[in-house]
Every structure is written in C-alpha cells, then in structure tokens.
Amino acid sequence: MSGPVGMIGLGNMGGRMARRLVDAGTAVVGHDPVVVPDGIERGTSPADVARRCAVVLLSLPDSTVVEPVVRGPDGVLAGAAPGTVVVDLSTADPSSTATLAAEAAEHGVTFLDAGISGGAAAAEKGTLTITAGGRAEDVDAIRPILAPIAAVVHHLGPVGAGHTAKLLNNFLNAVTLAASAEVMVAGQRAGLDLRTLLEAVNGGSGQSFATSNRFPRIVEGDYLEGGLTSRLMTKDVTLYTELLGRLGVPSLNASGPLASFGLAAHLGYGDVISNRVVDALGDLAGGVRIQQPQQPSREA
C-alpha cells in the first residue's frame, strides 16, 4: 500500500501517532475539528481524507463518535473508493465495530479494529501494543503501516476481536490504577516512605503496570499528563460491563474503578489524565498528596 495515510482524530494519541508516521517518512493527511499539527496535510472532512488515502486510521473517543465519522454524509464511506482500508484505533464497542465493518464491506471497503495500549508515552516512542481484529491477511497487509507506531500487533480474530481485547485490557488497567492509587494514599497516611513501598510492591505479588510504570513517576510529581482521562476511563469500564452482559459473564469487580474514576470526574479531574485519581482519593482522605520530598544528592 503506497501513498499518504489518513488519520482522523489528532488528539493526545492520534496526534502522536501521526507524528510517528511522518517521522518515518509517511505522508499523512489528517482531519480533526480542533487542531491539525504541523507537518500533516489538512483534510477538510473524513470523506476528503478517504478520497485521498488508501488507508485511513481512526483515533476517536468512542463508538458514538466513530459511527458518524464513518457513515455520515461527509464521512469516510462517502469518500472511500473500493479497496480502501479503514483501521479503527479507538476504544470502541465491539458490536458497533462489527456493524460498521459489515456496512463498509457493502462499499468494498475493509474495516479493521486495532485497539492500542501503552498510553501517551508509548505513542510518543512508537512502542504501542495493538490488538487487531479482521481477516489475518488484511491485518498482515497493514503491519508495515503500523510499524512506526507499534512494537507489536496481535491478531485476535475476526472483526470486533481487537476491540474486545482492548476493553478487557483497559478494565485491568482501570482496576490496578484505582486500587494502586488507594494504596498509595493509605501508605502516605500511614507514614510509609512511598519510594520504598513501591520497591517492595514491585518486588512482590502486588506489582502491576500502575505500580511499576506510573507511581514511581507520580511520587516525584510527574503525573504523565496527556494520556487517558478519568472520564474516558469511566467510559471504557462501562463498555466492559456492557460487553460482559452480552457474553453472560458476571462483572463483580467493576464497581471499584467506576466509583474511583467517577469520583475523580465529580471532583474536577474528569478531563485530565486518569492518574489524577490519586489526588481525588487524597482529597476525600483530607487533602493527602503522595509526592515525596526530594532525596539529597549523593554527589560530593
């Protein structure tokens, strides 16, 4: 597949992924209602992007945004020629994804789902993990295009499987982040040295992505701004519970993250990175903050 690649949605994640493609030598035609970064050709609409690109990537908040972008009067399908490939990198409802794929097929367009994991830092470095759904040969065909943004692409099965895997992953992400935030606030109130606590947890059975990658930075005052917000985290967990309802699987552990990130949104942290949930819990605990004093330099 040659020619420019389309990117619809140029926010925290889409903008970083588009920049990785440009840096790798790929021309990118982008569309976003807010901003199109320098170095990216501006598309006037999703249809315009699809008319100009054989491969169109979507990086949007959820299915309620993806659906009109794909099927609207000036949407992707309105501009896409037969043979166009649409890759949805959003965190979306798998049932909606399957419906859109069927509609795209009627236009001769291939629609693949490709959930991304790793956050803004991985998007910046091009080391995202992708869970993809669609025919194996179609997924293999787009691997070279995704190479600048992803360290690995896992093919999970037919269309919808990639977004299903992403929801399962994001639920675990939500649980461990919310639980770790609670533990860190408790550790601070108990008078523990949080750097040492994290070393102990990460050497033991409580280790998670949150404790090993997030909180060592947060205790130093770096919240890793620019990633998934608490409002979007709540959306992802809600989609997870809806998915489990369709599968007939009980969801017994969703109430914790829903309460935690819902609290964060209620206290004004809804549109900043979800790592700020630790401050929301700290507010409820009387204004606790987990940042640790700077350690003295060991240099003479």
C-alpha atoms as a PDB file:
ATOM      1  CA  MET A   1       0.000   0.000   0.000  1.00  0.00           C
ATOM      2  CA  SER A   2       1.583   3.245  -1.148  1.00  0.00           C
ATOM      3  CA  GLY A   3       0.589   6.895  -0.944  1.00  0.00           C
ATOM      4  CA  PRO A   4      -0.410   9.006   2.050  1.00  0.00           C
ATOM      5  CA  VAL A   5      -2.084   7.556   5.129  1.00  0.00           C
ATOM      6  CA  GLY A   6      -5.148   9.231   6.592  1.00  0.00           C
ATOM      7  CA  MET A   7      -5.506   9.964  10.296  1.00  0.00           C
ATOM      8  CA  ILE A   8      -8.873  11.112  11.606  1.00  0.00           C
ATOM      9  CA  GLY A   9      -8.603  12.304  15.200  1.00  0.00           C
ATOM     10  CA  LEU A  10      -5.400  14.140  16.131  1.00  0.00           C
ATOM     11  CA  GLY A  11      -5.727  14.459  19.900  1.00  0.00           C
ATOM     12  CA  ASN A  12      -3.434  13.085  22.600  1.00  0.00           C
ATOM     13  CA  MET A  13      -2.970   9.729  20.897  1.00  0.00           C
ATOM     14  CA  GLY A  14      -3.812  10.402  17.256  1.00  0.00           C
ATOM     15  CA  GLY A  15      -1.509  13.397  17.075  1.00  0.00           C
ATOM     16  CA  ARG A  16       1.405  11.439  18.486  1.00  0.00           C
ATOM     17  CA  MET A  17       0.804   8.500  16.144  1.00  0.00           C
ATOM     18  CA  ALA A  18       0.556  10.805  13.130  1.00  0.00           C
ATOM     19  CA  ARG A  19       3.863  12.389  14.103  1.00  0.00           C
ATOM     20  CA  ARG A  20       5.499   8.950  14.309  1.00  0.00           C
ATOM     21  CA  LEU A  21       4.286   8.169  10.781  1.00  0.00           C
ATOM     22  CA  VAL A  22       5.586  11.495   9.444  1.00  0.00           C
ATOM     23  CA  ASP A  23       8.955  10.963  11.135  1.00  0.00           C
ATOM     24  CA  ALA A  24       9.133   7.529   9.456  1.00  0.00           C
ATOM     25  CA  GLY A  25       8.711   9.168   6.059  1.00  0.00           C
ATOM     26  CA  THR A  26       4.980   8.571   5.538  1.00  0.00           C
ATOM     27  CA  ALA A  27       2.863  11.443   4.256  1.00  0.00           C
ATOM     28  CA  VAL A  28      -0.191  11.905   6.483  1.00  0.00           C
ATOM     29  CA  VAL A  29      -3.482  13.573   5.601  1.00  0.00           C
ATOM     30  CA  GLY A  30      -5.255  14.430   8.846  1.00  0.00           C
ATOM     31  CA  HIS A  31      -8.633  15.691   9.957  1.00  0.00           C
ATOM     32  CA  ASP A  32      -9.582  16.964  13.399  1.00  0.00           C
ATOM     33  CA  PRO A  33     -12.145  19.602  14.408  1.00  0.00           C
ATOM     34  CA  VAL A  34      -9.705  21.205  16.853  1.00  0.00           C
ATOM     35  CA  VAL A  35      -6.156  21.118  15.500  1.00  0.00           C
ATOM     36  CA  VAL A  36      -4.023  19.600  12.749  1.00  0.00           C
ATOM     37  CA  PRO A  37      -0.343  19.567  13.820  1.00  0.00           C
ATOM     38  CA  ASP A  38       2.435  20.950  11.637  1.00  0.00           C
ATOM     39  CA  GLY A  39       3.770  18.520   9.059  1.00  0.00           C
ATOM     40  CA  ILE A  40       0.383  16.913   8.432  1.00  0.00           C
ATOM     41  CA  GLU A  41      -1.680  17.749   5.363  1.00  0.00           C
ATOM     42  CA  ARG A  42      -5.126  19.037   6.308  1.00  0.00           C
ATOM     43  CA  GLY A  43      -8.172  17.107   5.153  1.00  0.00           C
ATOM     44  CA  THR A  44     -11.358  19.138   5.025  1.00  0.00           C
ATOM     45  CA  SER A  45     -13.550  16.238   6.186  1.00  0.00           C
ATOM     46  CA  PRO A  46     -13.417  12.487   6.818  1.00  0.00           C
ATOM     47  CA  ALA A  47     -14.691  11.985   3.248  1.00  0.00           C
ATOM     48  CA  ASP A  48     -11.887  14.165   1.879  1.00  0.00           C
ATOM     49  CA  VAL A  49      -9.281  12.156   3.803  1.00  0.00           C
ATOM     50  CA  ALA A  50     -10.736   8.897   2.473  1.00  0.00           C
ATOM     51  CA  ARG A  51     -10.743  10.197  -1.104  1.00  0.00           C
ATOM     52  CA  ARG A  52      -7.021  10.979  -0.815  1.00  0.00           C
ATOM     53  CA  CYS A  53      -5.806   7.916   1.099  1.00  0.00           C
ATOM     54  CA  ALA A  54      -5.992   4.167   0.512  1.00  0.00           C
ATOM     55  CA  VAL A  55      -5.547   3.554   4.250  1.00  0.00           C
ATOM     56  CA  VAL A  56      -7.426   5.614   6.846  1.00  0.00           C
ATOM     57  CA  LEU A  57      -6.686   5.363  10.565  1.00  0.00           C
ATOM     58  CA  LEU A  58      -9.246   6.454  13.158  1.00  0.00           C
ATOM     59  CA  SER A  59      -8.280   7.653  16.644  1.00  0.00           C
ATOM     60  CA  LEU A  60     -11.519   8.797  18.260  1.00  0.00           C
ATOM     61  CA  PRO A  61     -13.058   8.775  21.766  1.00  0.00           C
ATOM     62  CA  ASP A  62     -15.703   6.065  21.331  1.00  0.00           C
ATOM     63  CA  SER A  63     -18.286   4.485  19.022  1.00  0.00           C
ATOM     64  CA  THR A  64     -20.680   7.416  19.332  1.00  0.00           C
ATOM     65  CA  VAL A  65     -18.037   9.485  17.533  1.00  0.00           C
ATOM     66  CA  VAL A  66     -16.732   6.734  15.247  1.00  0.00           C
ATOM     67  CA  GLU A  67     -20.163   5.938  13.777  1.00  0.00           C
ATOM     68  CA  PRO A  68     -20.969   9.379  12.281  1.00  0.00           C
ATOM     69  CA  VAL A  69     -17.358   9.824  11.178  1.00  0.00           C
ATOM     70  CA  VAL A  70     -17.616   6.578   9.194  1.00  0.00           C
ATOM     71  CA  ARG A  71     -21.184   6.618   7.914  1.00  0.00           C
ATOM     72  CA  GLY A  72     -22.160  10.315   7.934  1.00  0.00           C
ATOM     73  CA  PRO A  73     -22.969  12.284   4.773  1.00  0.00           C
ATOM     74  CA  ASP A  74     -19.406  13.616   4.721  1.00  0.00           C
ATOM     75  CA  GLY A  75     -17.973  10.537   6.389  1.00  0.00           C
ATOM     76  CA  VAL A  76     -15.306   8.060   5.447  1.00  0.00           C
ATOM     77  CA  LEU A  77     -17.577   5.754   3.442  1.00  0.00           C
ATOM     78  CA  ALA A  78     -18.866   8.708   1.429  1.00  0.00           C
ATOM     79  CA  GLY A  79     -15.353   9.341   0.117  1.00  0.00           C
ATOM     80  CA  ALA A  80     -13.721   5.916   0.156  1.00  0.00           C
ATOM     81  CA  ALA A  81     -13.113   4.038  -3.079  1.00  0.00           C
ATOM     82  CA  PRO A  82     -13.467   0.247  -3.200  1.00  0.00           C
ATOM     83  CA  GLY A  83     -10.296  -1.293  -1.812  1.00  0.00           C
ATOM     84  CA  THR A  84      -9.811   1.358   0.877  1.00  0.00           C
ATOM     85  CA  VAL A  85      -8.778   0.010   4.287  1.00  0.00           C
ATOM     86  CA  VAL A  86     -10.099   1.678   7.448  1.00  0.00           C
ATOM     87  CA  VAL A  87      -8.332   0.842  10.704  1.00  0.00           C
ATOM     88  CA  ASP A  88     -10.117   1.893  13.893  1.00  0.00           C
ATOM     89  CA  LEU A  89      -7.561   2.543  16.636  1.00  0.00           C
ATOM     90  CA  SER A  90     -10.229   3.832  19.021  1.00  0.00           C
ATOM     91  CA  THR A  91     -11.519   2.101  22.142  1.00  0.00           C
ATOM     92  CA  ALA A  92     -14.934   1.215  20.784  1.00  0.00           C
ATOM     93  CA  ASP A  93     -17.941  -1.038  21.336  1.00  0.00           C
ATOM     94  CA  PRO A  94     -17.169  -4.332  19.538  1.00  0.00           C
ATOM     95  CA  SER A  95     -20.805  -4.749  18.455  1.00  0.00           C
ATOM     96  CA  SER A  96     -20.730  -1.322  16.793  1.00  0.00           C
ATOM     97  CA  THR A  97     -17.422  -2.210  15.181  1.00  0.00           C
ATOM     98  CA  ALA A  98     -18.889  -5.366  13.641  1.00  0.00           C
ATOM     99  CA  THR A  99     -21.865  -3.405  12.271  1.00  0.00           C
ATOM    100  CA  LEU A 100     -19.617  -0.759  10.713  1.00  0.00           C
ATOM    101  CA  ALA A 101     -17.424  -3.459   9.171  1.00  0.00           C
ATOM    102  CA  ALA A 102     -20.474  -5.017   7.504  1.00  0.00           C
ATOM    103  CA  GLU A 103     -21.567  -1.629   6.147  1.00  0.00           C
ATOM    104  CA  ALA A 104     -18.050  -0.913   4.894  1.00  0.00           C
ATOM    105  CA  ALA A 105     -17.939  -4.257   3.095  1.00  0.00           C
ATOM    106  CA  GLU A 106     -21.025  -3.228   1.112  1.00  0.00           C
ATOM    107  CA  HIS A 107     -18.931  -0.339  -0.242  1.00  0.00           C
ATOM    108  CA  GLY A 108     -15.964  -2.603  -0.993  1.00  0.00           C
ATOM    109  CA  VAL A 109     -14.088  -1.142   1.984  1.00  0.00           C
ATOM    110  CA  THR A 110     -12.183  -3.253   4.529  1.00  0.00           C
ATOM    111  CA  PHE A 111     -12.783  -2.204   8.143  1.00  0.00           C
ATOM    112  CA  LEU A 112     -10.366  -3.476  10.799  1.00  0.00           C
ATOM    113  CA  ASP A 113     -10.318  -2.829  14.535  1.00  0.00           C
ATOM    114  CA  ALA A 114      -6.982  -2.250  16.232  1.00  0.00           C
ATOM    115  CA  GLY A 115      -7.099  -1.327  19.898  1.00  0.00           C
ATOM    116  CA  ILE A 116      -3.967   0.431  21.161  1.00  0.00           C
ATOM    117  CA  SER A 117      -2.372   0.057  24.589  1.00  0.00           C
ATOM    118  CA  GLY A 118       0.602   1.669  26.253  1.00  0.00           C
ATOM    119  CA  GLY A 119      -0.557   5.254  26.720  1.00  0.00           C
ATOM    120  CA  ALA A 120       0.824   8.548  25.505  1.00  0.00           C
ATOM    121  CA  ALA A 121       4.428   7.660  26.355  1.00  0.00           C
ATOM    122  CA  ALA A 122       4.323   4.561  24.145  1.00  0.00           C
ATOM    123  CA  ALA A 123       2.612   6.529  21.375  1.00  0.00           C
ATOM    124  CA  GLU A 124       5.429   9.087  21.578  1.00  0.00           C
ATOM    125  CA  LYS A 125       8.066   6.358  21.281  1.00  0.00           C
ATOM    126  CA  GLY A 126       6.229   4.208  18.739  1.00  0.00           C
ATOM    127  CA  THR A 127       6.053   1.240  21.126  1.00  0.00           C
ATOM    128  CA  LEU A 128       2.293   0.748  21.415  1.00  0.00           C
ATOM    129  CA  THR A 129       0.762  -2.716  21.649  1.00  0.00           C
ATOM    130  CA  ILE A 130      -2.072  -3.306  19.185  1.00  0.00           C
ATOM    131  CA  THR A 131      -4.824  -5.917  19.390  1.00  0.00           C
ATOM    132  CA  ALA A 132      -6.307  -6.310  15.917  1.00  0.00           C
ATOM    133  CA  GLY A 133      -9.480  -7.860  14.552  1.00  0.00           C
ATOM    134  CA  GLY A 134     -10.202  -8.830  10.961  1.00  0.00           C
ATOM    135  CA  ARG A 135      -9.063 -11.349   8.384  1.00  0.00           C
ATOM    136  CA  ALA A 136      -5.471 -12.439   9.016  1.00  0.00           C
ATOM    137  CA  GLU A 137      -4.371 -11.448   5.520  1.00  0.00           C
ATOM    138  CA  ASP A 138      -5.854  -7.966   5.929  1.00  0.00           C
ATOM    139  CA  VAL A 139      -4.124  -7.475   9.268  1.00  0.00           C
ATOM    140  CA  ASP A 140      -0.831  -8.677   7.789  1.00  0.00           C
ATOM    141  CA  ALA A 141      -1.194  -6.185   4.926  1.00  0.00           C
ATOM    142  CA  ILE A 142      -1.290  -3.196   7.286  1.00  0.00           C
ATOM    143  CA  ARG A 143       1.521  -4.301   9.604  1.00  0.00           C
ATOM    144  CA  PRO A 144       4.131  -2.223   7.700  1.00  0.00           C
ATOM    145  CA  ILE A 145       1.938   0.867   8.053  1.00  0.00           C
ATOM    146  CA  LEU A 146       1.523   0.305  11.792  1.00  0.00           C
ATOM    147  CA  ALA A 147       5.223  -0.483  12.350  1.00  0.00           C
ATOM    148  CA  PRO A 148       6.234   3.129  13.188  1.00  0.00           C
ATOM    149  CA  ILE A 149       3.615   3.342  15.954  1.00  0.00           C
ATOM    150  CA  ALA A 150       3.522  -0.169  17.425  1.00  0.00           C
ATOM    151  CA  ALA A 151       6.119  -2.549  18.815  1.00  0.00           C
ATOM    152  CA  VAL A 152       3.774  -5.486  18.309  1.00  0.00           C
ATOM    153  CA  VAL A 153       0.468  -6.218  16.581  1.00  0.00           C
ATOM    154  CA  HIS A 154      -1.510  -9.167  17.979  1.00  0.00           C
ATOM    155  CA  HIS A 155      -4.158 -10.646  15.692  1.00  0.00           C
ATOM    156  CA  LEU A 156      -7.009 -11.698  17.999  1.00  0.00           C
ATOM    157  CA  GLY A 157      -9.569 -12.982  15.486  1.00  0.00           C
ATOM    158  CA  PRO A 158     -12.386 -11.607  13.313  1.00  0.00           C
ATOM    159  CA  VAL A 159     -13.584  -8.004  13.267  1.00  0.00           C
ATOM    160  CA  GLY A 160     -14.511  -6.915  16.790  1.00  0.00           C
ATOM    161  CA  ALA A 161     -11.948  -9.176  18.479  1.00  0.00           C
ATOM    162  CA  GLY A 162      -9.362  -6.407  18.680  1.00  0.00           C
ATOM    163  CA  HIS A 163     -11.727  -4.007  20.399  1.00  0.00           C
ATOM    164  CA  THR A 164     -12.933  -6.793  22.698  1.00  0.00           C
ATOM    165  CA  ALA A 165      -9.353  -7.465  23.793  1.00  0.00           C
ATOM    166  CA  LYS A 166      -8.789  -3.740  24.287  1.00  0.00           C
ATOM    167  CA  LEU A 167     -11.778  -3.460  26.631  1.00  0.00           C
ATOM    168  CA  LEU A 168     -10.536  -6.425  28.656  1.00  0.00           C
ATOM    169  CA  ASN A 169      -7.088  -4.853  28.895  1.00  0.00           C
ATOM    170  CA  ASN A 170      -8.477  -1.439  29.827  1.00  0.00           C
ATOM    171  CA  PHE A 171     -10.564  -2.935  32.598  1.00  0.00           C
ATOM    172  CA  LEU A 172      -7.442  -4.434  34.174  1.00  0.00           C
ATOM    173  CA  ASN A 173      -5.723  -1.093  33.694  1.00  0.00           C
ATOM    174  CA  ALA A 174      -8.589   0.676  35.483  1.00  0.00           C
ATOM    175  CA  VAL A 175      -8.695  -1.785  38.376  1.00  0.00           C
ATOM    176  CA  THR A 176      -4.959  -1.686  39.048  1.00  0.00           C
ATOM    177  CA  LEU A 177      -4.702   2.101  38.703  1.00  0.00           C
ATOM    178  CA  ALA A 178      -7.630   2.772  41.032  1.00  0.00           C
ATOM    179  CA  ALA A 179      -6.501   0.175  43.587  1.00  0.00           C
ATOM    180  CA  SER A 180      -2.878   1.355  43.500  1.00  0.00           C
ATOM    181  CA  ALA A 181      -3.986   4.970  43.989  1.00  0.00           C
ATOM    182  CA  GLU A 182      -5.942   3.923  47.071  1.00  0.00           C
ATOM    183  CA  VAL A 183      -2.951   2.018  48.450  1.00  0.00           C
ATOM    184  CA  MET A 184      -0.605   4.941  47.860  1.00  0.00           C
ATOM    185  CA  VAL A 185      -2.882   7.350  49.715  1.00  0.00           C
ATOM    186  CA  ALA A 186      -3.140   4.844  52.569  1.00  0.00           C
ATOM    187  CA  GLY A 187       0.630   4.399  52.613  1.00  0.00           C
ATOM    188  CA  GLN A 188       1.119   8.153  52.865  1.00  0.00           C
ATOM    189  CA  ARG A 189      -1.374   8.454  55.717  1.00  0.00           C
ATOM    190  CA  ALA A 190       0.390   5.566  57.487  1.00  0.00           C
ATOM    191  CA  GLY A 191       3.692   7.433  57.309  1.00  0.00           C
ATOM    192  CA  LEU A 192       5.442   4.990  54.975  1.00  0.00           C
ATOM    193  CA  ASP A 193       8.216   6.009  52.628  1.00  0.00           C
ATOM    194  CA  LEU A 194       6.397   5.582  49.322  1.00  0.00           C
ATOM    195  CA  ARG A 195       9.517   5.052  47.225  1.00  0.00           C
ATOM    196  CA  THR A 196      10.458   2.119  49.440  1.00  0.00           C
ATOM    197  CA  LEU A 197       6.864   0.876  49.458  1.00  0.00           C
ATOM    198  CA  LEU A 198       6.852   0.820  45.658  1.00  0.00           C
ATOM    199  CA  GLU A 199      10.139  -1.088  45.608  1.00  0.00           C
ATOM    200  CA  ALA A 200       8.625  -3.680  47.947  1.00  0.00           C
ATOM    201  CA  VAL A 201       5.365  -3.959  45.983  1.00  0.00           C
ATOM    202  CA  ASN A 202       7.173  -4.233  42.656  1.00  0.00           C
ATOM    203  CA  GLY A 203       9.355  -6.998  44.040  1.00  0.00           C
ATOM    204  CA  GLY A 204       6.336  -8.861  45.356  1.00  0.00           C
ATOM    205  CA  SER A 205       2.902 -10.093  44.366  1.00  0.00           C
ATOM    206  CA  GLY A 206       1.243  -6.661  44.206  1.00  0.00           C
ATOM    207  CA  GLN A 207       3.214  -5.478  41.177  1.00  0.00           C
ATOM    208  CA  SER A 208       1.266  -4.027  38.234  1.00  0.00           C
ATOM    209  CA  PHE A 209       1.752  -1.578  35.368  1.00  0.00           C
ATOM    210  CA  ALA A 210       0.448   1.128  37.677  1.00  0.00           C
ATOM    211  CA  THR A 211       2.951   0.430  40.451  1.00  0.00           C
ATOM    212  CA  SER A 212       5.929  -0.146  38.169  1.00  0.00           C
ATOM    213  CA  ASN A 213       5.358   2.492  35.473  1.00  0.00           C
ATOM    214  CA  ARG A 214       3.035   5.154  36.862  1.00  0.00           C
ATOM    215  CA  PHE A 215       3.510   5.678  40.565  1.00  0.00           C
ATOM    216  CA  PRO A 216       7.328   5.853  40.599  1.00  0.00           C
ATOM    217  CA  ARG A 217       6.852   8.959  38.429  1.00  0.00           C
ATOM    218  CA  ILE A 218       3.813  10.319  40.290  1.00  0.00           C
ATOM    219  CA  VAL A 219       5.564  10.311  43.682  1.00  0.00           C
ATOM    220  CA  GLU A 220       8.196  12.549  42.050  1.00  0.00           C
ATOM    221  CA  GLY A 221       5.482  14.962  40.888  1.00  0.00           C
ATOM    222  CA  ASP A 222       5.181  13.764  37.270  1.00  0.00           C
ATOM    223  CA  TYR A 223       1.597  12.689  36.534  1.00  0.00           C
ATOM    224  CA  LEU A 224       2.482  11.713  32.930  1.00  0.00           C
ATOM    225  CA  GLU A 225      -0.033  14.213  31.607  1.00  0.00           C
ATOM    226  CA  GLY A 226      -1.564  13.699  28.178  1.00  0.00           C
ATOM    227  CA  GLY A 227      -2.965  10.192  28.467  1.00  0.00           C
ATOM    228  CA  LEU A 228      -6.377   8.639  29.077  1.00  0.00           C
ATOM    229  CA  THR A 229      -8.634  10.847  31.202  1.00  0.00           C
ATOM    230  CA  SER A 230     -10.800   9.746  34.120  1.00  0.00           C
ATOM    231  CA  ARG A 231     -13.914  10.460  32.068  1.00  0.00           C
ATOM    232  CA  LEU A 232     -12.695   8.185  29.262  1.00  0.00           C
ATOM    233  CA  MET A 233     -11.614   5.546  31.769  1.00  0.00           C
ATOM    234  CA  THR A 234     -15.158   5.511  33.159  1.00  0.00           C
ATOM    235  CA  LYS A 235     -16.458   5.130  29.602  1.00  0.00           C
ATOM    236  CA  ASP A 236     -14.146   2.167  28.974  1.00  0.00           C
ATOM    237  CA  VAL A 237     -15.189   0.370  32.160  1.00  0.00           C
ATOM    238  CA  THR A 238     -18.849   0.958  31.286  1.00  0.00           C
ATOM    239  CA  LEU A 239     -18.261  -0.581  27.843  1.00  0.00           C
ATOM    240  CA  TYR A 240     -16.573  -3.512  29.578  1.00  0.00           C
ATOM    241  CA  THR A 241     -19.604  -4.154  31.778  1.00  0.00           C
ATOM    242  CA  GLU A 242     -21.892  -3.975  28.737  1.00  0.00           C
ATOM    243  CA  LEU A 243     -19.656  -6.455  26.911  1.00  0.00           C
ATOM    244  CA  LEU A 244     -19.740  -8.886  29.826  1.00  0.00           C
ATOM    245  CA  GLY A 245     -23.521  -8.568  29.965  1.00  0.00           C
ATOM    246  CA  ARG A 246     -23.741  -9.630  26.311  1.00  0.00           C
ATOM    247  CA  LEU A 247     -21.344 -12.510  26.980  1.00  0.00           C
ATOM    248  CA  GLY A 248     -23.294 -13.683  30.016  1.00  0.00           C
ATOM    249  CA  VAL A 249     -20.263 -13.273  32.297  1.00  0.00           C
ATOM    250  CA  PRO A 250     -20.766 -11.725  35.755  1.00  0.00           C
ATOM    251  CA  SER A 251     -18.847  -8.495  36.361  1.00  0.00           C
ATOM    252  CA  LEU A 252     -18.166  -8.413  40.083  1.00  0.00           C
ATOM    253  CA  ASN A 253     -15.193  -6.055  40.160  1.00  0.00           C
ATOM    254  CA  ALA A 254     -16.271  -3.085  38.057  1.00  0.00           C
ATOM    255  CA  SER A 255     -17.822  -1.079  40.891  1.00  0.00           C
ATOM    256  CA  GLY A 256     -14.428  -0.085  42.342  1.00  0.00           C
ATOM    257  CA  PRO A 257     -12.979   1.674  39.278  1.00  0.00           C
ATOM    258  CA  LEU A 258     -16.370   3.101  38.332  1.00  0.00           C
ATOM    259  CA  ALA A 259     -16.602   4.671  41.788  1.00  0.00           C
ATOM    260  CA  SER A 260     -12.986   5.871  41.771  1.00  0.00           C
ATOM    261  CA  PHE A 261     -12.949   7.492  38.335  1.00  0.00           C
ATOM    262  CA  GLY A 262     -16.496   8.744  38.766  1.00  0.00           C
ATOM    263  CA  LEU A 263     -15.336  10.438  41.967  1.00  0.00           C
ATOM    264  CA  ALA A 264     -12.391  11.944  40.096  1.00  0.00           C
ATOM    265  CA  ALA A 265     -14.724  13.403  37.485  1.00  0.00           C
ATOM    266  CA  HIS A 266     -17.072  14.748  40.185  1.00  0.00           C
ATOM    267  CA  LEU A 267     -14.190  16.495  41.940  1.00  0.00           C
ATOM    268  CA  GLY A 268     -12.975  18.186  38.765  1.00  0.00           C
ATOM    269  CA  TYR A 269     -10.389  15.705  37.494  1.00  0.00           C
ATOM    270  CA  GLY A 270     -12.550  14.231  34.728  1.00  0.00           C
ATOM    271  CA  ASP A 271     -10.745  15.785  31.780  1.00  0.00           C
ATOM    272  CA  VAL A 272      -7.159  15.372  32.974  1.00  0.00           C
ATOM    273  CA  ILE A 273      -5.105  12.194  32.976  1.00  0.00           C
ATOM    274  CA  SER A 274      -6.664   9.348  34.937  1.00  0.00           C
ATOM    275  CA  ASN A 275      -3.531   9.142  37.124  1.00  0.00           C
ATOM    276  CA  ARG A 276      -5.008  12.131  38.958  1.00  0.00           C
ATOM    277  CA  VAL A 277      -7.478   9.710  40.554  1.00  0.00           C
ATOM    278  CA  VAL A 278      -4.891   9.504  43.334  1.00  0.00           C
ATOM    279  CA  ASP A 279      -5.496  13.186  44.085  1.00  0.00           C
ATOM    280  CA  ALA A 280      -9.269  12.672  44.082  1.00  0.00           C
ATOM    281  CA  LEU A 281      -8.903   9.892  46.652  1.00  0.00           C
ATOM    282  CA  GLY A 282      -6.444  12.072  48.551  1.00  0.00           C
ATOM    283  CA  ASP A 283      -8.997  14.885  48.630  1.00  0.00           C
ATOM    284  CA  LEU A 284     -11.502  12.537  50.207  1.00  0.00           C
ATOM    285  CA  ALA A 285      -8.866  11.492  52.762  1.00  0.00           C
ATOM    286  CA  GLY A 286      -8.405  15.059  53.942  1.00  0.00           C
ATOM    287  CA  GLY A 287      -6.128  16.558  51.308  1.00  0.00           C
ATOM    288  CA  VAL A 288      -3.443  13.871  51.085  1.00  0.00           C
ATOM    289  CA  ARG A 289      -0.842  14.206  48.339  1.00  0.00           C
ATOM    290  CA  ILE A 290       1.658  11.436  47.724  1.00  0.00           C
ATOM    291  CA  GLN A 291       4.568  13.453  46.317  1.00  0.00           C
ATOM    292  CA  GLN A 292       7.741  12.681  48.263  1.00  0.00           C
ATOM    293  CA  PRO A 293      10.459  15.124  49.349  1.00  0.00           C
ATOM    294  CA  GLN A 294      13.429  15.319  47.001  1.00  0.00           C
ATOM    295  CA  GLN A 295      16.197  12.947  48.044  1.00  0.00           C
ATOM    296  CA  PRO A 296      19.508  14.670  48.760  1.00  0.00           C
ATOM    297  CA  SER A 297      22.147  14.265  46.091  1.00  0.00           C
ATOM    298  CA  ARG A 298      24.812  11.642  46.828  1.00  0.00           C
ATOM    299  CA  GLU A 299      27.405  13.563  44.827  1.00  0.00           C
ATOM    300  CA  ALA A 300      30.056  15.360  46.841  1.00  0.00           C
END
